[in-house]
Amino acid sequence: MVTAFGIILIVLAAFLIFAVLMQSGKDKRLSGAIVGGADTFFSKGKAKTMDRILDRLTIIIGFVFAIVCLAMYLIVV
């Protein structure tokens, strides 16, 4: 049982890292001014919806990760 929870935690951690790293940065200072000029209207909308999906996915995976950690703690102790 502990092994199954350990595997689930490793998989959830990998998905959580992936979801966080795939999000675009919220800080749009100098790099946003340089790169942002090349974006078209349609690509900006697509990026916002993808960021919204990744943001929700990060919250859900983080919540499930915390629940599995608590469950594993209660089983081991």
C-alpha atoms as a PDB file:
ATOM      1  CA  MET A   1       0.000   0.000   0.000  1.00  0.00           C
ATOM      2  CA  VAL A   2       2.835   2.370   0.868  1.00  0.00           C
ATOM      3  CA  THR A   3       4.567   1.528  -2.412  1.00  0.00           C
ATOM      4  CA  ALA A   4       1.426   2.407  -4.384  1.00  0.00           C
ATOM      5  CA  PHE A   5       1.141   5.762  -2.609  1.00  0.00           C
ATOM      6  CA  GLY A   6       4.847   6.389  -3.263  1.00  0.00           C
ATOM      7  CA  ILE A   7       4.430   5.754  -6.981  1.00  0.00           C
ATOM      8  CA  ILE A   8       1.350   7.974  -7.086  1.00  0.00           C
ATOM      9  CA  LEU A   9       3.295  10.752  -5.325  1.00  0.00           C
ATOM     10  CA  ILE A  10       6.159  10.521  -7.813  1.00  0.00           C
ATOM     11  CA  VAL A  11       3.782  10.686 -10.780  1.00  0.00           C
ATOM     12  CA  LEU A  12       1.851  13.607  -9.268  1.00  0.00           C
ATOM     13  CA  ALA A  13       5.111  15.442  -8.533  1.00  0.00           C
ATOM     14  CA  ALA A  14       6.235  15.019 -12.146  1.00  0.00           C
ATOM     15  CA  PHE A  15       2.894  16.327 -13.456  1.00  0.00           C
ATOM     16  CA  LEU A  16       3.010  19.240 -10.998  1.00  0.00           C
ATOM     17  CA  ILE A  17       6.511  20.209 -12.128  1.00  0.00           C
ATOM     18  CA  PHE A  18       5.458  19.941 -15.779  1.00  0.00           C
ATOM     19  CA  ALA A  19       2.327  22.074 -15.237  1.00  0.00           C
ATOM     20  CA  VAL A  20       4.262  24.794 -13.425  1.00  0.00           C
ATOM     21  CA  LEU A  21       7.104  24.929 -15.943  1.00  0.00           C
ATOM     22  CA  MET A  22       4.758  25.091 -18.940  1.00  0.00           C
ATOM     23  CA  GLN A  23       3.029  28.251 -17.673  1.00  0.00           C
ATOM     24  CA  SER A  24       4.199  31.541 -19.074  1.00  0.00           C
ATOM     25  CA  GLY A  25       5.568  34.096 -16.671  1.00  0.00           C
ATOM     26  CA  LYS A  26       3.267  36.746 -15.252  1.00  0.00           C
ATOM     27  CA  ASP A  27       6.044  39.361 -15.311  1.00  0.00           C
ATOM     28  CA  LYS A  28       6.051  41.216 -18.633  1.00  0.00           C
ATOM     29  CA  ARG A  29       8.835  43.774 -18.231  1.00  0.00           C
ATOM     30  CA  LEU A  30      11.591  44.114 -20.801  1.00  0.00           C
ATOM     31  CA  SER A  31      11.392  40.575 -22.159  1.00  0.00           C
ATOM     32  CA  GLY A  32       7.650  40.918 -22.648  1.00  0.00           C
ATOM     33  CA  ALA A  33       8.142  44.126 -24.597  1.00  0.00           C
ATOM     34  CA  ILE A  34      10.699  42.534 -26.900  1.00  0.00           C
ATOM     35  CA  VAL A  35       8.938  39.229 -27.475  1.00  0.00           C
ATOM     36  CA  GLY A  36       5.405  40.601 -27.194  1.00  0.00           C
ATOM     37  CA  GLY A  37       5.732  42.662 -30.369  1.00  0.00           C
ATOM     38  CA  ALA A  38       5.951  39.516 -32.469  1.00  0.00           C
ATOM     39  CA  ASP A  39       2.708  38.042 -31.149  1.00  0.00           C
ATOM     40  CA  THR A  40      -0.438  38.354 -33.160  1.00  0.00           C
ATOM     41  CA  PHE A  41      -3.921  38.840 -31.786  1.00  0.00           C
ATOM     42  CA  PHE A  42      -4.873  35.193 -32.193  1.00  0.00           C
ATOM     43  CA  SER A  43      -1.779  33.722 -30.564  1.00  0.00           C
ATOM     44  CA  LYS A  44      -2.248  35.911 -27.475  1.00  0.00           C
ATOM     45  CA  GLY A  45      -5.751  34.506 -26.934  1.00  0.00           C
ATOM     46  CA  LYS A  46      -4.543  30.958 -27.381  1.00  0.00           C
ATOM     47  CA  ALA A  47      -1.747  31.509 -24.870  1.00  0.00           C
ATOM     48  CA  LYS A  48      -4.176  32.895 -22.311  1.00  0.00           C
ATOM     49  CA  THR A  49      -6.507  29.906 -22.564  1.00  0.00           C
ATOM     50  CA  MET A  50      -3.579  27.487 -22.305  1.00  0.00           C
ATOM     51  CA  ASP A  51      -2.288  29.358 -19.247  1.00  0.00           C
ATOM     52  CA  ARG A  52      -5.756  29.232 -17.713  1.00  0.00           C
ATOM     53  CA  ILE A  53      -5.932  25.463 -18.245  1.00  0.00           C
ATOM     54  CA  LEU A  54      -2.437  24.971 -16.819  1.00  0.00           C
ATOM     55  CA  ASP A  55      -3.285  27.200 -13.853  1.00  0.00           C
ATOM     56  CA  ARG A  56      -6.359  25.132 -12.990  1.00  0.00           C
ATOM     57  CA  LEU A  57      -4.429  21.905 -13.566  1.00  0.00           C
ATOM     58  CA  THR A  58      -1.700  23.096 -11.192  1.00  0.00           C
ATOM     59  CA  ILE A  59      -4.246  23.829  -8.469  1.00  0.00           C
ATOM     60  CA  ILE A  60      -5.979  20.472  -8.877  1.00  0.00           C
ATOM     61  CA  ILE A  61      -2.759  18.452  -8.975  1.00  0.00           C
ATOM     62  CA  GLY A  62      -1.378  20.361  -5.974  1.00  0.00           C
ATOM     63  CA  PHE A  63      -4.530  19.647  -3.984  1.00  0.00           C
ATOM     64  CA  VAL A  64      -4.479  15.932  -4.884  1.00  0.00           C
ATOM     65  CA  PHE A  65      -0.749  15.811  -4.071  1.00  0.00           C
ATOM     66  CA  ALA A  66      -1.409  17.256  -0.599  1.00  0.00           C
ATOM     67  CA  ILE A  67      -4.253  14.783   0.034  1.00  0.00           C
ATOM     68  CA  VAL A  68      -2.094  11.813  -1.007  1.00  0.00           C
ATOM     69  CA  CYS A  69       0.736  13.060   1.229  1.00  0.00           C
ATOM     70  CA  LEU A  70      -1.620  13.268   4.199  1.00  0.00           C
ATOM     71  CA  ALA A  71      -3.074   9.844   3.449  1.00  0.00           C
ATOM     72  CA  MET A  72       0.400   8.343   3.195  1.00  0.00           C
ATOM     73  CA  TYR A  73       1.394   9.956   6.497  1.00  0.00           C
ATOM     74  CA  LEU A  74      -1.670   8.533   8.209  1.00  0.00           C
ATOM     75  CA  ILE A  75      -0.997   5.051   6.824  1.00  0.00           C
ATOM     76  CA  VAL A  76       2.688   5.012   7.776  1.00  0.00           C
ATOM     77  CA  VAL A  77       2.165   6.389  11.279  1.00  0.00           C
END
